[in-house]
Amino acid sequence: YRSYQILYAMNRLNFATTDKKPKTGILMMNLGGPLKAENAADFMYNMFTDKQTVPVFEKVPRWLIRWFCNRRASKSVIQKYNEIGGGTPLYDWTHKQGSKMC
């Protein structure tokens, strides 16, 4: 589904140009992470229940995944995010990289 959305968006862009040299496009993607440490449990739940990201867990009851994410995130994951600044650095790094490419 996501691949279709990306291809659809790319096809909707106007690639017409008067230049003879073809244009180059760069698509940046990352799996992301919670912007704040307190959102880690919700992020983990969304990631583990996304059938395209982690299809292994599609047969596991959602309540069990929610319990695991809340228990796991409340201990080590939130602590780890707090150690590196309180959230994922991927968001900032992706924007920095993107601004340098344009």
N, C-alpha and C. Protein backbone atom coordinates (compact mmCIF):
# COMPACT_ATOMS: atom_id res chain seq x y z
N TYR A 1 0.82 -1.20 0.00
CA TYR A 1 0.00 0.00 0.00
C TYR A 1 0.86 1.26 0.00
N ARG A 2 1.88 1.29 0.85
CA ARG A 2 2.75 2.47 0.89
C ARG A 2 3.52 2.63 -0.41
N SER A 3 3.97 1.52 -0.98
CA SER A 3 4.69 1.60 -2.26
C SER A 3 3.79 2.20 -3.32
N TYR A 4 2.53 1.80 -3.32
CA TYR A 4 1.58 2.35 -4.28
C TYR A 4 1.42 3.85 -4.07
N GLN A 5 1.33 4.29 -2.81
CA GLN A 5 1.19 5.72 -2.53
C GLN A 5 2.39 6.50 -3.04
N ILE A 6 3.58 5.96 -2.85
CA ILE A 6 4.79 6.64 -3.30
C ILE A 6 4.80 6.72 -4.82
N LEU A 7 4.52 5.61 -5.50
CA LEU A 7 4.51 5.62 -6.96
C LEU A 7 3.43 6.55 -7.50
N TYR A 8 2.27 6.56 -6.86
CA TYR A 8 1.20 7.45 -7.29
C TYR A 8 1.63 8.91 -7.16
N ALA A 9 2.24 9.24 -6.02
CA ALA A 9 2.70 10.62 -5.81
C ALA A 9 3.77 11.00 -6.82
N MET A 10 4.67 10.07 -7.14
CA MET A 10 5.73 10.37 -8.11
C MET A 10 5.14 10.58 -9.51
N ASN A 11 4.12 9.79 -9.86
CA ASN A 11 3.50 9.95 -11.17
C ASN A 11 2.72 11.25 -11.29
N ARG A 12 2.23 11.75 -10.16
CA ARG A 12 1.46 13.00 -10.16
C ARG A 12 2.37 14.23 -10.31
N LEU A 13 3.66 14.06 -10.01
CA LEU A 13 4.59 15.18 -10.15
C LEU A 13 4.80 15.50 -11.62
N ASN A 14 5.04 16.74 -11.90
CA ASN A 14 5.29 17.14 -13.28
C ASN A 14 6.78 17.03 -13.57
N PHE A 15 7.16 16.01 -14.33
CA PHE A 15 8.57 15.81 -14.66
C PHE A 15 8.94 16.44 -16.00
N ALA A 16 7.99 17.12 -16.63
CA ALA A 16 8.26 17.73 -17.93
C ALA A 16 9.32 18.82 -17.78
N THR A 17 10.26 18.83 -18.69
CA THR A 17 11.32 19.83 -18.65
C THR A 17 11.75 20.16 -20.07
N THR A 18 12.25 21.36 -20.26
CA THR A 18 12.76 21.75 -21.57
C THR A 18 14.22 21.39 -21.72
N ASP A 19 14.89 21.03 -20.61
CA ASP A 19 16.29 20.64 -20.66
C ASP A 19 16.42 19.27 -21.31
N LYS A 20 17.53 19.05 -21.99
CA LYS A 20 17.81 17.74 -22.56
C LYS A 20 18.33 16.77 -21.50
N LYS A 21 18.92 17.32 -20.43
CA LYS A 21 19.47 16.48 -19.37
C LYS A 21 18.35 15.99 -18.47
N PRO A 22 18.26 14.68 -18.24
CA PRO A 22 17.18 14.19 -17.37
C PRO A 22 17.38 14.64 -15.92
N LYS A 23 16.28 14.83 -15.24
CA LYS A 23 16.34 15.22 -13.84
C LYS A 23 16.56 14.00 -12.97
N THR A 24 17.19 14.22 -11.84
CA THR A 24 17.43 13.15 -10.87
C THR A 24 16.58 13.40 -9.64
N GLY A 25 15.93 12.37 -9.15
CA GLY A 25 15.13 12.48 -7.94
C GLY A 25 15.72 11.61 -6.85
N ILE A 26 15.59 12.05 -5.62
CA ILE A 26 16.08 11.29 -4.48
C ILE A 26 14.90 11.09 -3.53
N LEU A 27 14.68 9.86 -3.15
CA LEU A 27 13.63 9.53 -2.20
C LEU A 27 14.28 9.10 -0.90
N MET A 28 14.07 9.87 0.16
CA MET A 28 14.63 9.54 1.47
C MET A 28 13.55 8.89 2.31
N MET A 29 13.89 7.76 2.93
CA MET A 29 12.93 7.06 3.77
C MET A 29 13.63 6.54 5.01
N ASN A 30 12.92 6.51 6.12
CA ASN A 30 13.42 5.83 7.31
C ASN A 30 12.21 5.33 8.09
N LEU A 31 12.44 4.40 8.96
CA LEU A 31 11.35 3.83 9.74
C LEU A 31 10.90 4.78 10.84
N GLY A 32 11.75 5.70 11.21
CA GLY A 32 11.38 6.71 12.18
C GLY A 32 11.51 6.25 13.61
N GLY A 33 10.83 6.95 14.47
CA GLY A 33 10.86 6.69 15.89
C GLY A 33 10.04 7.74 16.60
N PRO A 34 9.82 7.59 17.88
CA PRO A 34 9.02 8.59 18.61
C PRO A 34 9.80 9.90 18.77
N LEU A 35 9.11 11.00 18.56
CA LEU A 35 9.76 12.30 18.73
C LEU A 35 10.04 12.59 20.19
N LYS A 36 9.24 12.03 21.08
CA LYS A 36 9.44 12.18 22.53
C LYS A 36 9.48 10.80 23.16
N ALA A 37 10.26 10.65 24.21
CA ALA A 37 10.42 9.35 24.87
C ALA A 37 9.09 8.80 25.38
N GLU A 38 8.21 9.67 25.85
CA GLU A 38 6.94 9.18 26.39
C GLU A 38 6.01 8.61 25.31
N ASN A 39 6.34 8.82 24.05
CA ASN A 39 5.55 8.25 22.95
C ASN A 39 6.10 6.91 22.47
N ALA A 40 7.10 6.37 23.16
CA ALA A 40 7.75 5.14 22.72
C ALA A 40 6.80 3.95 22.68
N ALA A 41 5.94 3.81 23.68
CA ALA A 41 5.02 2.67 23.71
C ALA A 41 4.06 2.72 22.53
N ASP A 42 3.51 3.89 22.23
CA ASP A 42 2.60 4.02 21.09
C ASP A 42 3.33 3.75 19.78
N PHE A 43 4.56 4.26 19.66
CA PHE A 43 5.33 4.01 18.44
C PHE A 43 5.59 2.52 18.26
N MET A 44 6.00 1.86 19.34
CA MET A 44 6.27 0.42 19.26
C MET A 44 5.00 -0.35 18.89
N TYR A 45 3.88 0.01 19.49
CA TYR A 45 2.62 -0.66 19.18
C TYR A 45 2.27 -0.50 17.70
N ASN A 46 2.37 0.73 17.20
CA ASN A 46 2.07 0.98 15.78
C ASN A 46 3.01 0.20 14.87
N MET A 47 4.27 0.13 15.24
CA MET A 47 5.23 -0.58 14.41
C MET A 47 4.95 -2.08 14.41
N PHE A 48 4.69 -2.65 15.59
CA PHE A 48 4.47 -4.09 15.67
C PHE A 48 3.11 -4.52 15.12
N THR A 49 2.15 -3.63 15.02
CA THR A 49 0.85 -4.00 14.47
C THR A 49 0.72 -3.63 12.99
N ASP A 50 1.74 -3.02 12.41
CA ASP A 50 1.74 -2.70 10.98
C ASP A 50 2.12 -3.96 10.20
N LYS A 51 1.20 -4.49 9.44
CA LYS A 51 1.43 -5.75 8.73
C LYS A 51 2.52 -5.64 7.68
N GLN A 52 2.77 -4.44 7.16
CA GLN A 52 3.81 -4.27 6.15
C GLN A 52 5.20 -4.14 6.78
N THR A 53 5.26 -3.63 7.99
CA THR A 53 6.55 -3.43 8.65
C THR A 53 7.03 -4.70 9.33
N VAL A 54 6.18 -5.27 10.15
CA VAL A 54 6.52 -6.48 10.90
C VAL A 54 5.39 -7.50 10.72
N PRO A 55 5.37 -8.21 9.59
CA PRO A 55 4.26 -9.13 9.33
C PRO A 55 4.23 -10.35 10.25
N VAL A 56 5.27 -10.59 11.01
CA VAL A 56 5.36 -11.76 11.89
C VAL A 56 4.29 -11.72 12.97
N PHE A 57 3.91 -10.54 13.42
CA PHE A 57 3.02 -10.40 14.57
C PHE A 57 1.54 -10.30 14.20
N GLU A 58 1.17 -10.54 12.96
CA GLU A 58 -0.23 -10.34 12.58
C GLU A 58 -1.18 -11.33 13.24
N LYS A 59 -0.69 -12.48 13.69
CA LYS A 59 -1.55 -13.47 14.36
C LYS A 59 -1.60 -13.27 15.88
N VAL A 60 -0.75 -12.40 16.41
CA VAL A 60 -0.70 -12.17 17.86
C VAL A 60 -1.84 -11.23 18.25
N PRO A 61 -2.56 -11.53 19.32
CA PRO A 61 -3.65 -10.63 19.76
C PRO A 61 -3.13 -9.23 20.05
N ARG A 62 -3.89 -8.22 19.64
CA ARG A 62 -3.48 -6.82 19.81
C ARG A 62 -3.28 -6.46 21.28
N TRP A 63 -4.11 -7.01 22.17
CA TRP A 63 -3.97 -6.69 23.59
C TRP A 63 -2.62 -7.16 24.11
N LEU A 64 -2.12 -8.28 23.60
CA LEU A 64 -0.83 -8.80 24.03
C LEU A 64 0.32 -7.90 23.53
N ILE A 65 0.18 -7.43 22.30
CA ILE A 65 1.19 -6.51 21.76
C ILE A 65 1.18 -5.21 22.56
N ARG A 66 -0.02 -4.69 22.87
CA ARG A 66 -0.13 -3.45 23.66
C ARG A 66 0.50 -3.64 25.04
N TRP A 67 0.21 -4.77 25.68
CA TRP A 67 0.78 -5.06 27.00
C TRP A 67 2.31 -5.10 26.91
N PHE A 68 2.83 -5.79 25.91
CA PHE A 68 4.28 -5.89 25.74
C PHE A 68 4.90 -4.51 25.52
N CYS A 69 4.31 -3.73 24.63
CA CYS A 69 4.87 -2.41 24.33
C CYS A 69 4.85 -1.49 25.54
N ASN A 70 3.75 -1.50 26.28
CA ASN A 70 3.68 -0.66 27.48
C ASN A 70 4.68 -1.09 28.54
N ARG A 71 4.80 -2.38 28.72
CA ARG A 71 5.73 -2.89 29.74
C ARG A 71 7.18 -2.66 29.31
N ARG A 72 7.48 -2.96 28.08
CA ARG A 72 8.86 -2.84 27.58
C ARG A 72 9.27 -1.37 27.48
N ALA A 73 8.38 -0.55 26.93
CA ALA A 73 8.71 0.86 26.74
C ALA A 73 8.84 1.58 28.07
N SER A 74 8.06 1.15 29.06
CA SER A 74 8.10 1.84 30.34
C SER A 74 9.42 1.61 31.06
N LYS A 75 10.16 0.60 30.66
CA LYS A 75 11.43 0.33 31.34
C LYS A 75 12.62 0.79 30.51
N SER A 76 13.05 -0.02 29.59
CA SER A 76 14.34 0.24 28.94
C SER A 76 14.27 1.19 27.76
N VAL A 77 13.20 1.13 26.96
CA VAL A 77 13.17 1.95 25.75
C VAL A 77 13.11 3.44 26.08
N ILE A 78 12.24 3.81 27.01
CA ILE A 78 12.15 5.22 27.39
C ILE A 78 13.47 5.69 27.99
N GLN A 79 14.09 4.85 28.78
CA GLN A 79 15.39 5.20 29.36
C GLN A 79 16.43 5.43 28.26
N LYS A 80 16.44 4.56 27.27
CA LYS A 80 17.41 4.71 26.17
C LYS A 80 17.15 5.99 25.38
N TYR A 81 15.89 6.29 25.08
CA TYR A 81 15.59 7.54 24.37
C TYR A 81 15.98 8.75 25.20
N ASN A 82 15.77 8.70 26.51
CA ASN A 82 16.18 9.81 27.37
C ASN A 82 17.70 9.99 27.37
N GLU A 83 18.44 8.89 27.27
CA GLU A 83 19.90 8.96 27.23
C GLU A 83 20.41 9.64 25.97
N ILE A 84 19.64 9.58 24.87
CA ILE A 84 20.10 10.20 23.62
C ILE A 84 19.36 11.50 23.30
N GLY A 85 18.73 12.08 24.31
CA GLY A 85 18.13 13.40 24.10
C GLY A 85 16.62 13.46 24.22
N GLY A 86 15.97 12.38 24.58
CA GLY A 86 14.54 12.42 24.82
C GLY A 86 13.66 12.02 23.66
N GLY A 87 14.21 11.53 22.58
CA GLY A 87 13.43 11.09 21.42
C GLY A 87 14.36 10.63 20.33
N THR A 88 13.79 10.26 19.20
CA THR A 88 14.62 9.78 18.11
C THR A 88 15.38 10.91 17.43
N PRO A 89 16.63 10.69 17.10
CA PRO A 89 17.37 11.70 16.35
C PRO A 89 17.13 11.59 14.85
N LEU A 90 16.41 10.55 14.40
CA LEU A 90 16.21 10.33 12.97
C LEU A 90 15.48 11.48 12.29
N TYR A 91 14.49 12.04 12.95
CA TYR A 91 13.71 13.13 12.38
C TYR A 91 14.61 14.32 12.03
N ASP A 92 15.40 14.76 13.01
CA ASP A 92 16.29 15.92 12.78
C ASP A 92 17.35 15.61 11.73
N TRP A 93 17.94 14.42 11.81
CA TRP A 93 19.00 14.06 10.86
C TRP A 93 18.45 13.95 9.43
N THR A 94 17.27 13.42 9.28
CA THR A 94 16.68 13.31 7.94
C THR A 94 16.42 14.69 7.34
N HIS A 95 15.92 15.62 8.17
CA HIS A 95 15.69 16.97 7.66
C HIS A 95 17.00 17.67 7.35
N LYS A 96 18.02 17.48 8.16
CA LYS A 96 19.33 18.08 7.88
C LYS A 96 19.91 17.55 6.58
N GLN A 97 19.83 16.23 6.38
CA GLN A 97 20.34 15.63 5.16
C GLN A 97 19.56 16.13 3.94
N GLY A 98 18.24 16.19 4.09
CA GLY A 98 17.42 16.65 2.98
C GLY A 98 17.70 18.08 2.60
N SER A 99 17.92 18.94 3.58
CA SER A 99 18.20 20.35 3.27
C SER A 99 19.56 20.52 2.59
N LYS A 100 20.49 19.64 2.88
CA LYS A 100 21.81 19.71 2.25
C LYS A 100 21.77 19.21 0.80
N MET A 101 20.78 18.37 0.48
CA MET A 101 20.68 17.82 -0.88
C MET A 101 20.01 18.81 -1.84
N CYS A 102 19.18 19.68 -1.31
CA CYS A 102 18.43 20.60 -2.18
C CYS A 102 19.22 21.84 -2.50
